[in-house]
Amino acid sequence: MVCEDGASLAKLSSASDAQLVELNTEHSAAMTELTALTKPGPFNKRTHELGTFLGICRNRKLVAMAGERLKVSGYTEVRAP
């Protein structure tokens, strides 16, 4: 999967009550809570430090997220817990 049009993401998030946010340390508890519900595999309070993680929030609650896991020249593996 390759995203070549990042502008489309902005259109999606403005078309609903969802907000696309870059996740960081302040979101750590919400990220851990979400992974406890979905059980994607190993994830701890510092996993987001491996790369950029993006989340979708609705009514200030994190409802979905994905993040970088592995990078090689020209490609990035995306993890979707």
PDB file of N, CA and C in Angstrom:
ATOM      1  N   MET A   1       0.853  -1.166   0.000  1.00  0.00           N
ATOM      2  CA  MET A   1       0.000   0.000   0.000  1.00  0.00           C
ATOM      3  C   MET A   1       0.898   1.227   0.000  1.00  0.00           C
ATOM      4  N   VAL A   2       0.628   2.150  -0.875  1.00  0.00           N
ATOM      5  CA  VAL A   2       1.427   3.359  -0.993  1.00  0.00           C
ATOM      6  C   VAL A   2       0.498   4.570  -0.987  1.00  0.00           C
ATOM      7  N   CYS A   3       0.797   5.540  -0.129  1.00  0.00           N
ATOM      8  CA  CYS A   3       0.022   6.784  -0.102  1.00  0.00           C
ATOM      9  C   CYS A   3       0.780   7.828  -0.902  1.00  0.00           C
ATOM     10  N   GLU A   4       0.225   8.233  -2.023  1.00  0.00           N
ATOM     11  CA  GLU A   4       0.878   9.233  -2.857  1.00  0.00           C
ATOM     12  C   GLU A   4       0.194  10.589  -2.778  1.00  0.00           C
ATOM     13  N   ASP A   5      -0.973  10.659  -2.116  1.00  0.00           N
ATOM     14  CA  ASP A   5      -1.727  11.906  -2.055  1.00  0.00           C
ATOM     15  C   ASP A   5      -2.127  12.189  -0.612  1.00  0.00           C
ATOM     16  N   GLY A   6      -1.212  12.701   0.184  1.00  0.00           N
ATOM     17  CA  GLY A   6      -1.488  13.012   1.576  1.00  0.00           C
ATOM     18  C   GLY A   6      -2.575  14.051   1.744  1.00  0.00           C
ATOM     19  N   ALA A   7      -2.820  14.876   0.735  1.00  0.00           N
ATOM     20  CA  ALA A   7      -3.874  15.891   0.818  1.00  0.00           C
ATOM     21  C   ALA A   7      -5.247  15.246   0.964  1.00  0.00           C
ATOM     22  N   SER A   8      -5.409  14.032   0.451  1.00  0.00           N
ATOM     23  CA  SER A   8      -6.688  13.334   0.580  1.00  0.00           C
ATOM     24  C   SER A   8      -7.022  13.040   2.033  1.00  0.00           C
ATOM     25  N   LEU A   9      -6.007  12.823   2.868  1.00  0.00           N
ATOM     26  CA  LEU A   9      -6.243  12.571   4.283  1.00  0.00           C
ATOM     27  C   LEU A   9      -6.891  13.768   4.954  1.00  0.00           C
ATOM     28  N   ALA A  10      -6.456  14.959   4.606  1.00  0.00           N
ATOM     29  CA  ALA A  10      -7.039  16.170   5.181  1.00  0.00           C
ATOM     30  C   ALA A  10      -8.504  16.300   4.771  1.00  0.00           C
ATOM     31  N   LYS A  11      -8.822  15.947   3.537  1.00  0.00           N
ATOM     32  CA  LYS A  11     -10.207  16.014   3.078  1.00  0.00           C
ATOM     33  C   LYS A  11     -11.080  15.040   3.862  1.00  0.00           C
ATOM     34  N   LEU A  12     -10.569  13.848   4.113  1.00  0.00           N
ATOM     35  CA  LEU A  12     -11.311  12.851   4.882  1.00  0.00           C
ATOM     36  C   LEU A  12     -11.603  13.336   6.292  1.00  0.00           C
ATOM     37  N   SER A  13     -10.586  13.854   6.960  1.00  0.00           N
ATOM     38  CA  SER A  13     -10.780  14.240   8.354  1.00  0.00           C
ATOM     39  C   SER A  13     -11.678  15.458   8.490  1.00  0.00           C
ATOM     40  N   SER A  14     -11.712  16.336   7.504  1.00  0.00           N
ATOM     41  CA  SER A  14     -12.573  17.508   7.607  1.00  0.00           C
ATOM     42  C   SER A  14     -14.017  17.185   7.218  1.00  0.00           C
ATOM     43  N   ALA A  15     -14.228  16.032   6.610  1.00  0.00           N
ATOM     44  CA  ALA A  15     -15.568  15.671   6.161  1.00  0.00           C
ATOM     45  C   ALA A  15     -16.403  15.019   7.262  1.00  0.00           C
ATOM     46  N   SER A  16     -15.850  14.801   8.418  1.00  0.00           N
ATOM     47  CA  SER A  16     -16.590  14.161   9.504  1.00  0.00           C
ATOM     48  C   SER A  16     -16.181  14.795  10.823  1.00  0.00           C
ATOM     49  N   ASP A  17     -16.688  14.229  11.903  1.00  0.00           N
ATOM     50  CA  ASP A  17     -16.317  14.737  13.215  1.00  0.00           C
ATOM     51  C   ASP A  17     -14.989  14.156  13.699  1.00  0.00           C
ATOM     52  N   ALA A  18     -14.354  13.361  12.866  1.00  0.00           N
ATOM     53  CA  ALA A  18     -13.080  12.748  13.214  1.00  0.00           C
ATOM     54  C   ALA A  18     -11.940  13.745  13.031  1.00  0.00           C
ATOM     55  N   GLN A  19     -10.918  13.582  13.846  1.00  0.00           N
ATOM     56  CA  GLN A  19      -9.746  14.447  13.761  1.00  0.00           C
ATOM     57  C   GLN A  19      -8.506  13.567  13.620  1.00  0.00           C
ATOM     58  N   LEU A  20      -7.678  13.856  12.636  1.00  0.00           N
ATOM     59  CA  LEU A  20      -6.429  13.150  12.427  1.00  0.00           C
ATOM     60  C   LEU A  20      -5.341  13.854  13.217  1.00  0.00           C
ATOM     61  N   VAL A  21      -4.645  13.130  14.103  1.00  0.00           N
ATOM     62  CA  VAL A  21      -3.617  13.742  14.945  1.00  0.00           C
ATOM     63  C   VAL A  21      -2.335  12.914  14.916  1.00  0.00           C
ATOM     64  N   GLU A  22      -1.213  13.606  15.050  1.00  0.00           N
ATOM     65  CA  GLU A  22       0.055  12.910  15.216  1.00  0.00           C
ATOM     66  C   GLU A  22       0.193  12.592  16.697  1.00  0.00           C
ATOM     67  N   LEU A  23       0.361  11.319  16.998  1.00  0.00           N
ATOM     68  CA  LEU A  23       0.396  10.865  18.385  1.00  0.00           C
ATOM     69  C   LEU A  23       1.790  11.036  18.975  1.00  0.00           C
ATOM     70  N   ASN A  24       1.829  11.317  20.275  1.00  0.00           N
ATOM     71  CA  ASN A  24       3.096  11.505  20.975  1.00  0.00           C
ATOM     72  C   ASN A  24       2.951  11.032  22.413  1.00  0.00           C
ATOM     73  N   THR A  25       3.887  11.395  23.259  1.00  0.00           N
ATOM     74  CA  THR A  25       3.905  10.943  24.646  1.00  0.00           C
ATOM     75  C   THR A  25       2.614  11.271  25.386  1.00  0.00           C
ATOM     76  N   GLU A  26       2.011  12.408  25.101  1.00  0.00           N
ATOM     77  CA  GLU A  26       0.778  12.766  25.806  1.00  0.00           C
ATOM     78  C   GLU A  26      -0.384  11.834  25.462  1.00  0.00           C
ATOM     79  N   HIS A  27      -0.284  11.114  24.353  1.00  0.00           N
ATOM     80  CA  HIS A  27      -1.321  10.163  23.943  1.00  0.00           C
ATOM     81  C   HIS A  27      -1.007   8.727  24.373  1.00  0.00           C
ATOM     82  N   SER A  28       0.096   8.526  25.053  1.00  0.00           N
ATOM     83  CA  SER A  28       0.565   7.186  25.397  1.00  0.00           C
ATOM     84  C   SER A  28      -0.490   6.341  26.105  1.00  0.00           C
ATOM     85  N   ALA A  29      -1.163   6.900  27.094  1.00  0.00           N
ATOM     86  CA  ALA A  29      -2.179   6.136  27.836  1.00  0.00           C
ATOM     87  C   ALA A  29      -3.326   5.723  26.920  1.00  0.00           C
ATOM     88  N   ALA A  30      -3.778   6.629  26.050  1.00  0.00           N
ATOM     89  CA  ALA A  30      -4.878   6.312  25.132  1.00  0.00           C
ATOM     90  C   ALA A  30      -4.451   5.247  24.128  1.00  0.00           C
ATOM     91  N   MET A  31      -3.190   5.306  23.683  1.00  0.00           N
ATOM     92  CA  MET A  31      -2.683   4.315  22.743  1.00  0.00           C
ATOM     93  C   MET A  31      -2.632   2.933  23.404  1.00  0.00           C
ATOM     94  N   THR A  32      -2.158   2.885  24.626  1.00  0.00           N
ATOM     95  CA  THR A  32      -2.071   1.622  25.359  1.00  0.00           C
ATOM     96  C   THR A  32      -3.473   1.061  25.613  1.00  0.00           C
ATOM     97  N   GLU A  33      -4.412   1.943  25.941  1.00  0.00           N
ATOM     98  CA  GLU A  33      -5.801   1.526  26.172  1.00  0.00           C
ATOM     99  C   GLU A  33      -6.407   0.933  24.904  1.00  0.00           C
ATOM    100  N   LEU A  34      -6.182   1.582  23.768  1.00  0.00           N
ATOM    101  CA  LEU A  34      -6.720   1.089  22.501  1.00  0.00           C
ATOM    102  C   LEU A  34      -6.127  -0.273  22.145  1.00  0.00           C
ATOM    103  N   THR A  35      -4.825  -0.447  22.347  1.00  0.00           N
ATOM    104  CA  THR A  35      -4.210  -1.733  22.019  1.00  0.00           C
ATOM    105  C   THR A  35      -4.662  -2.827  22.984  1.00  0.00           C
ATOM    106  N   ALA A  36      -5.021  -2.477  24.219  1.00  0.00           N
ATOM    107  CA  ALA A  36      -5.550  -3.469  25.151  1.00  0.00           C
ATOM    108  C   ALA A  36      -6.897  -4.008  24.648  1.00  0.00           C
ATOM    109  N   LEU A  37      -7.659  -3.147  23.972  1.00  0.00           N
ATOM    110  CA  LEU A  37      -8.953  -3.572  23.423  1.00  0.00           C
ATOM    111  C   LEU A  37      -8.793  -4.431  22.175  1.00  0.00           C
ATOM    112  N   THR A  38      -7.821  -4.095  21.334  1.00  0.00           N
ATOM    113  CA  THR A  38      -7.684  -4.761  20.037  1.00  0.00           C
ATOM    114  C   THR A  38      -6.675  -5.905  20.033  1.00  0.00           C
ATOM    115  N   LYS A  39      -5.778  -5.946  21.015  1.00  0.00           N
ATOM    116  CA  LYS A  39      -4.773  -7.004  21.175  1.00  0.00           C
ATOM    117  C   LYS A  39      -3.980  -7.296  19.885  1.00  0.00           C
ATOM    118  N   PRO A  40      -3.295  -6.275  19.344  1.00  0.00           N
ATOM    119  CA  PRO A  40      -2.550  -6.469  18.102  1.00  0.00           C
ATOM    120  C   PRO A  40      -1.214  -7.181  18.285  1.00  0.00           C
ATOM    121  N   GLY A  41      -0.787  -7.359  19.501  1.00  0.00           N
ATOM    122  CA  GLY A  41       0.533  -7.927  19.776  1.00  0.00           C
ATOM    123  C   GLY A  41       1.285  -6.968  20.669  1.00  0.00           C
ATOM    124  N   PRO A  42       2.586  -7.134  20.785  1.00  0.00           N
ATOM    125  CA  PRO A  42       3.361  -6.300  21.711  1.00  0.00           C
ATOM    126  C   PRO A  42       3.206  -4.801  21.443  1.00  0.00           C
ATOM    127  N   PHE A  43       2.856  -4.081  22.472  1.00  0.00           N
ATOM    128  CA  PHE A  43       2.745  -2.624  22.402  1.00  0.00           C
ATOM    129  C   PHE A  43       2.839  -2.117  23.826  1.00  0.00           C
ATOM    130  N   ASN A  44       3.761  -1.162  24.064  1.00  0.00           N
ATOM    131  CA  ASN A  44       3.851  -0.604  25.407  1.00  0.00           C
ATOM    132  C   ASN A  44       3.837   0.912  25.346  1.00  0.00           C
ATOM    133  N   LYS A  45       3.984   1.547  26.482  1.00  0.00           N
ATOM    134  CA  LYS A  45       3.816   2.998  26.546  1.00  0.00           C
ATOM    135  C   LYS A  45       4.858   3.782  25.763  1.00  0.00           C
ATOM    136  N   ARG A  46       5.950   3.144  25.308  1.00  0.00           N
ATOM    137  CA  ARG A  46       6.970   3.849  24.524  1.00  0.00           C
ATOM    138  C   ARG A  46       7.065   3.369  23.075  1.00  0.00           C
ATOM    139  N   THR A  47       6.182   2.490  22.664  1.00  0.00           N
ATOM    140  CA  THR A  47       6.228   1.962  21.296  1.00  0.00           C
ATOM    141  C   THR A  47       6.143   3.075  20.253  1.00  0.00           C
ATOM    142  N   HIS A  48       5.385   4.117  20.533  1.00  0.00           N
ATOM    143  CA  HIS A  48       5.230   5.215  19.572  1.00  0.00           C
ATOM    144  C   HIS A  48       6.552   5.919  19.276  1.00  0.00           C
ATOM    145  N   GLU A  49       7.565   5.687  20.084  1.00  0.00           N
ATOM    146  CA  GLU A  49       8.870   6.309  19.847  1.00  0.00           C
ATOM    147  C   GLU A  49       9.642   5.643  18.707  1.00  0.00           C
ATOM    148  N   LEU A  50       9.143   4.507  18.204  1.00  0.00           N
ATOM    149  CA  LEU A  50       9.804   3.821  17.091  1.00  0.00           C
ATOM    150  C   LEU A  50       9.678   4.596  15.787  1.00  0.00           C
ATOM    151  N   GLY A  51       8.654   5.432  15.669  1.00  0.00           N
ATOM    152  CA  GLY A  51       8.432   6.200  14.455  1.00  0.00           C
ATOM    153  C   GLY A  51       7.182   7.044  14.612  1.00  0.00           C
ATOM    154  N   THR A  52       6.739   7.610  13.526  1.00  0.00           N
ATOM    155  CA  THR A  52       5.552   8.454  13.556  1.00  0.00           C
ATOM    156  C   THR A  52       4.295   7.598  13.674  1.00  0.00           C
ATOM    157  N   PHE A  53       3.430   7.937  14.605  1.00  0.00           N
ATOM    158  CA  PHE A  53       2.131   7.287  14.758  1.00  0.00           C
ATOM    159  C   PHE A  53       1.054   8.338  14.543  1.00  0.00           C
ATOM    160  N   LEU A  54       0.047   7.987  13.775  1.00  0.00           N
ATOM    161  CA  LEU A  54      -1.097   8.866  13.539  1.00  0.00           C
ATOM    162  C   LEU A  54      -2.334   8.214  14.133  1.00  0.00           C
ATOM    163  N   GLY A  55      -3.231   9.047  14.639  1.00  0.00           N
ATOM    164  CA  GLY A  55      -4.442   8.521  15.233  1.00  0.00           C
ATOM    165  C   GLY A  55      -5.657   9.256  14.732  1.00  0.00           C
ATOM    166  N   ILE A  56      -6.785   8.612  14.846  1.00  0.00           N
ATOM    167  CA  ILE A  56      -8.072   9.245  14.555  1.00  0.00           C
ATOM    168  C   ILE A  56      -8.807   9.358  15.874  1.00  0.00           C
ATOM    169  N   CYS A  57      -9.202  10.586  16.200  1.00  0.00           N
ATOM    170  CA  CYS A  57      -9.940  10.849  17.438  1.00  0.00           C
ATOM    171  C   CYS A  57     -11.348  11.290  17.091  1.00  0.00           C
ATOM    172  N   ARG A  58     -12.288  10.801  17.846  1.00  0.00           N
ATOM    173  CA  ARG A  58     -13.682  11.241  17.748  1.00  0.00           C
ATOM    174  C   ARG A  58     -14.108  11.654  19.139  1.00  0.00           C
ATOM    175  N   ASN A  59     -14.644  12.844  19.251  1.00  0.00           N
ATOM    176  CA  ASN A  59     -15.050  13.375  20.557  1.00  0.00           C
ATOM    177  C   ASN A  59     -13.909  13.279  21.571  1.00  0.00           C
ATOM    178  N   ARG A  60     -12.698  13.613  21.104  1.00  0.00           N
ATOM    179  CA  ARG A  60     -11.483  13.619  21.930  1.00  0.00           C
ATOM    180  C   ARG A  60     -11.047  12.239  22.419  1.00  0.00           C
ATOM    181  N   LYS A  61     -11.572  11.176  21.822  1.00  0.00           N
ATOM    182  CA  LYS A  61     -11.196   9.816  22.193  1.00  0.00           C
ATOM    183  C   LYS A  61     -10.501   9.156  21.005  1.00  0.00           C
ATOM    184  N   LEU A  62      -9.362   8.522  21.277  1.00  0.00           N
ATOM    185  CA  LEU A  62      -8.623   7.814  20.234  1.00  0.00           C
ATOM    186  C   LEU A  62      -9.400   6.563  19.836  1.00  0.00           C
ATOM    187  N   VAL A  63      -9.761   6.466  18.544  1.00  0.00           N
ATOM    188  CA  VAL A  63     -10.559   5.333  18.073  1.00  0.00           C
ATOM    189  C   VAL A  63      -9.820   4.457  17.062  1.00  0.00           C
ATOM    190  N   ALA A  64      -8.702   4.963  16.518  1.00  0.00           N
ATOM    191  CA  ALA A  64      -7.909   4.184  15.565  1.00  0.00           C
ATOM    192  C   ALA A  64      -6.515   4.796  15.493  1.00  0.00           C
ATOM    193  N   MET A  65      -5.536   3.968  15.131  1.00  0.00           N
ATOM    194  CA  MET A  65      -4.180   4.490  14.973  1.00  0.00           C
ATOM    195  C   MET A  65      -3.367   3.553  14.099  1.00  0.00           C
ATOM    196  N   ALA A  66      -2.288   4.090  13.559  1.00  0.00           N
ATOM    197  CA  ALA A  66      -1.323   3.325  12.781  1.00  0.00           C
ATOM    198  C   ALA A  66       0.015   4.038  12.913  1.00  0.00           C
ATOM    199  N   GLY A  67       1.091   3.284  12.782  1.00  0.00           N
ATOM    200  CA  GLY A  67       2.392   3.906  12.927  1.00  0.00           C
ATOM    201  C   GLY A  67       3.496   3.171  12.200  1.00  0.00           C
ATOM    202  N   GLU A  68       4.627   3.856  12.085  1.00  0.00           N
ATOM    203  CA  GLU A  68       5.792   3.294  11.407  1.00  0.00           C
ATOM    204  C   GLU A  68       6.414   2.198  12.258  1.00  0.00           C
ATOM    205  N   ARG A  69       6.801   1.133  11.589  1.00  0.00           N
ATOM    206  CA  ARG A  69       7.429   0.030  12.284  1.00  0.00           C
ATOM    207  C   ARG A  69       8.841  -0.221  11.760  1.00  0.00           C
ATOM    208  N   LEU A  70       8.997  -0.230  10.476  1.00  0.00           N
ATOM    209  CA  LEU A  70      10.284  -0.545   9.865  1.00  0.00           C
ATOM    210  C   LEU A  70      10.454   0.332   8.647  1.00  0.00           C
ATOM    211  N   LYS A  71      11.660   0.880   8.461  1.00  0.00           N
ATOM    212  CA  LYS A  71      11.929   1.710   7.289  1.00  0.00           C
ATOM    213  C   LYS A  71      13.128   1.149   6.543  1.00  0.00           C
ATOM    214  N   VAL A  72      12.967   1.034   5.235  1.00  0.00           N
ATOM    215  CA  VAL A  72      14.080   0.728   4.342  1.00  0.00           C
ATOM    216  C   VAL A  72      14.016   1.775   3.240  1.00  0.00           C
ATOM    217  N   SER A  73      15.069   1.945   2.527  1.00  0.00           N
ATOM    218  CA  SER A  73      15.139   3.005   1.529  1.00  0.00           C
ATOM    219  C   SER A  73      13.907   3.044   0.628  1.00  0.00           C
ATOM    220  N   GLY A  74      13.149   4.138   0.746  1.00  0.00           N
ATOM    221  CA  GLY A  74      11.998   4.347  -0.115  1.00  0.00           C
ATOM    222  C   GLY A  74      10.689   3.735   0.373  1.00  0.00           C
ATOM    223  N   TYR A  75      10.707   2.943   1.439  1.00  0.00           N
ATOM    224  CA  TYR A  75       9.494   2.268   1.909  1.00  0.00           C
ATOM    225  C   TYR A  75       9.421   2.293   3.437  1.00  0.00           C
ATOM    226  N   THR A  76       8.200   2.296   3.938  1.00  0.00           N
ATOM    227  CA  THR A  76       7.964   2.235   5.380  1.00  0.00           C
ATOM    228  C   THR A  76       6.884   1.203   5.649  1.00  0.00           C
ATOM    229  N   GLU A  77       7.168   0.286   6.570  1.00  0.00           N
ATOM    230  CA  GLU A  77       6.135  -0.658   7.007  1.00  0.00           C
ATOM    231  C   GLU A  77       5.258   0.060   8.022  1.00  0.00           C
ATOM    232  N   VAL A  78       3.949  -0.061   7.854  1.00  0.00           N
ATOM    233  CA  VAL A  78       3.009   0.599   8.760  1.00  0.00           C
ATOM    234  C   VAL A  78       2.368  -0.455   9.646  1.00  0.00           C
ATOM    235  N   ARG A  79       2.364  -0.187  10.923  1.00  0.00           N
ATOM    236  CA  ARG A  79       1.758  -1.068  11.923  1.00  0.00           C
ATOM    237  C   ARG A  79       0.405  -0.458  12.273  1.00  0.00           C
ATOM    238  N   ALA A  80      -0.627  -1.268  12.303  1.00  0.00           N
ATOM    239  CA  ALA A  80      -1.971  -0.759  12.618  1.00  0.00           C
ATOM    240  C   ALA A  80      -2.551  -1.526  13.802  1.00  0.00           C
ATOM    241  N   PRO A  81      -2.176  -1.113  15.008  1.00  0.00           N
ATOM    242  CA  PRO A  81      -2.697  -1.823  16.188  1.00  0.00           C
ATOM    243  C   PRO A  81      -4.170  -1.582  16.391  1.00  0.00           C
TER     244      PRO A  81
END
